[in-house]
Amino acid sequence: MTVRKGVARLLAADGTLIGEGRAYLHLRLADAEPQAAQGTLSLDWWNDEPSPVGASLDLLDGPTLVLRLDSDRLSSCMVGRILRYHVDWPGVP
């Protein structure tokens, strides 16, 4: 399993910036292969509006991915917001 780590922006369905942080994307196959993937986004800052439902993950060093949220939680241990999600990874050359 490959884990892609990097800076990412969370964008609402209308393109409005919701927040920014570190994305961790878990790929079962090589990153050049299209595949279903899952990951975590740890937001360093965020706006409470708009909702992240239907949002996209804009990876600084990769594609923009439409998220299917599994959970959206505030973390008391590190003062942060953690999103868990699934995406369709398109593969990168």
Protein backbone atom coordinates (compact mmCIF):
# COMPACT_ATOMS: atom_id res chain seq x y z
CA MET A 1 0.00 0.00 0.00
CA THR A 2 1.22 3.50 -0.91
CA VAL A 3 0.41 6.57 1.17
CA ARG A 4 0.54 9.90 -0.67
CA LYS A 5 1.02 12.79 1.75
CA GLY A 6 0.81 16.47 0.94
CA VAL A 7 -0.79 19.86 1.33
CA ALA A 8 -4.38 20.06 0.13
CA ARG A 9 -7.25 22.50 -0.04
CA LEU A 10 -10.86 21.55 0.65
CA LEU A 11 -13.21 23.17 -1.89
CA ALA A 12 -17.01 23.36 -1.66
CA ALA A 13 -19.11 22.18 -4.60
CA ASP A 14 -19.28 25.80 -5.83
CA GLY A 15 -15.48 26.21 -5.60
CA THR A 16 -15.47 28.19 -2.33
CA LEU A 17 -12.43 27.45 -0.17
CA ILE A 18 -13.49 25.60 3.00
CA GLY A 19 -10.06 24.95 4.50
CA GLU A 20 -6.50 23.75 4.09
CA GLY A 21 -4.33 21.11 5.69
CA ARG A 22 -2.50 17.82 5.22
CA ALA A 23 -3.98 15.04 3.12
CA TYR A 24 -3.11 11.36 3.46
CA LEU A 25 -4.33 9.21 0.58
CA HIS A 26 -4.07 5.39 0.84
CA LEU A 27 -3.63 3.64 -2.52
CA ARG A 28 -3.69 -0.16 -2.78
CA LEU A 29 -2.13 -0.20 -6.26
CA ALA A 30 0.65 1.87 -7.83
CA ASP A 31 -0.27 5.57 -8.00
CA ALA A 32 -0.21 5.40 -11.82
CA GLU A 33 -3.24 3.06 -11.72
CA PRO A 34 -6.84 4.34 -11.53
CA GLN A 35 -8.45 2.92 -8.38
CA ALA A 36 -10.80 3.45 -5.47
CA ALA A 37 -8.90 4.99 -2.54
CA GLN A 38 -9.48 6.26 0.96
CA GLY A 39 -7.81 8.89 3.06
CA THR A 40 -7.72 11.46 5.81
CA LEU A 41 -7.58 15.24 5.65
CA SER A 42 -6.28 17.01 8.74
CA LEU A 43 -7.36 20.64 8.44
CA ASP A 44 -5.11 23.31 9.97
CA TRP A 45 -7.78 25.97 9.41
CA TRP A 46 -11.34 25.89 8.07
CA ASN A 47 -14.61 27.78 7.64
CA ASP A 48 -17.66 26.21 9.21
CA GLU A 49 -19.69 27.20 6.15
CA PRO A 50 -20.19 25.83 3.54
CA SER A 51 -20.68 22.14 4.25
CA PRO A 52 -18.01 19.69 3.04
CA VAL A 53 -20.72 17.43 1.57
CA GLY A 54 -20.05 17.29 -2.18
CA ALA A 55 -16.65 18.93 -1.67
CA SER A 56 -13.44 18.36 -3.61
CA LEU A 57 -9.91 17.79 -2.42
CA ASP A 58 -7.41 19.90 -4.37
CA LEU A 59 -4.01 18.24 -3.91
CA LEU A 60 -1.07 20.63 -4.25
CA ASP A 61 1.00 18.00 -6.06
CA GLY A 62 -1.78 16.11 -7.78
CA PRO A 63 -5.30 16.10 -9.15
CA THR A 64 -8.52 17.49 -7.68
CA LEU A 65 -10.70 14.67 -6.33
CA VAL A 66 -14.41 14.60 -5.49
CA LEU A 67 -14.84 13.40 -1.89
CA ARG A 68 -17.31 10.92 -0.48
CA LEU A 69 -17.20 11.75 3.24
CA ASP A 70 -17.12 8.99 5.82
CA SER A 71 -16.73 11.31 8.83
CA ASP A 72 -16.12 14.94 9.78
CA ARG A 73 -14.92 15.46 13.36
CA LEU A 74 -13.34 18.08 15.53
CA SER A 75 -10.37 16.69 17.43
CA SER A 76 -9.95 17.82 21.03
CA CYS A 77 -6.47 16.32 21.35
CA MET A 78 -4.90 18.52 18.66
CA VAL A 79 -7.35 21.38 18.01
CA GLY A 80 -8.12 20.33 14.47
CA ARG A 81 -10.76 19.04 12.14
CA ILE A 82 -10.34 15.58 10.65
CA LEU A 83 -12.18 14.34 7.56
CA ARG A 84 -12.15 10.70 6.50
CA TYR A 85 -13.15 10.07 2.90
CA HIS A 86 -13.23 7.85 -0.18
CA VAL A 87 -12.29 9.01 -3.70
CA ASP A 88 -11.82 7.66 -7.19
CA TRP A 89 -8.09 8.07 -7.88
CA PRO A 90 -7.56 8.71 -11.62
CA GLY A 91 -3.94 7.57 -11.67
CA VAL A 92 -1.01 9.85 -12.43
CA PRO A 93 1.74 9.32 -15.01
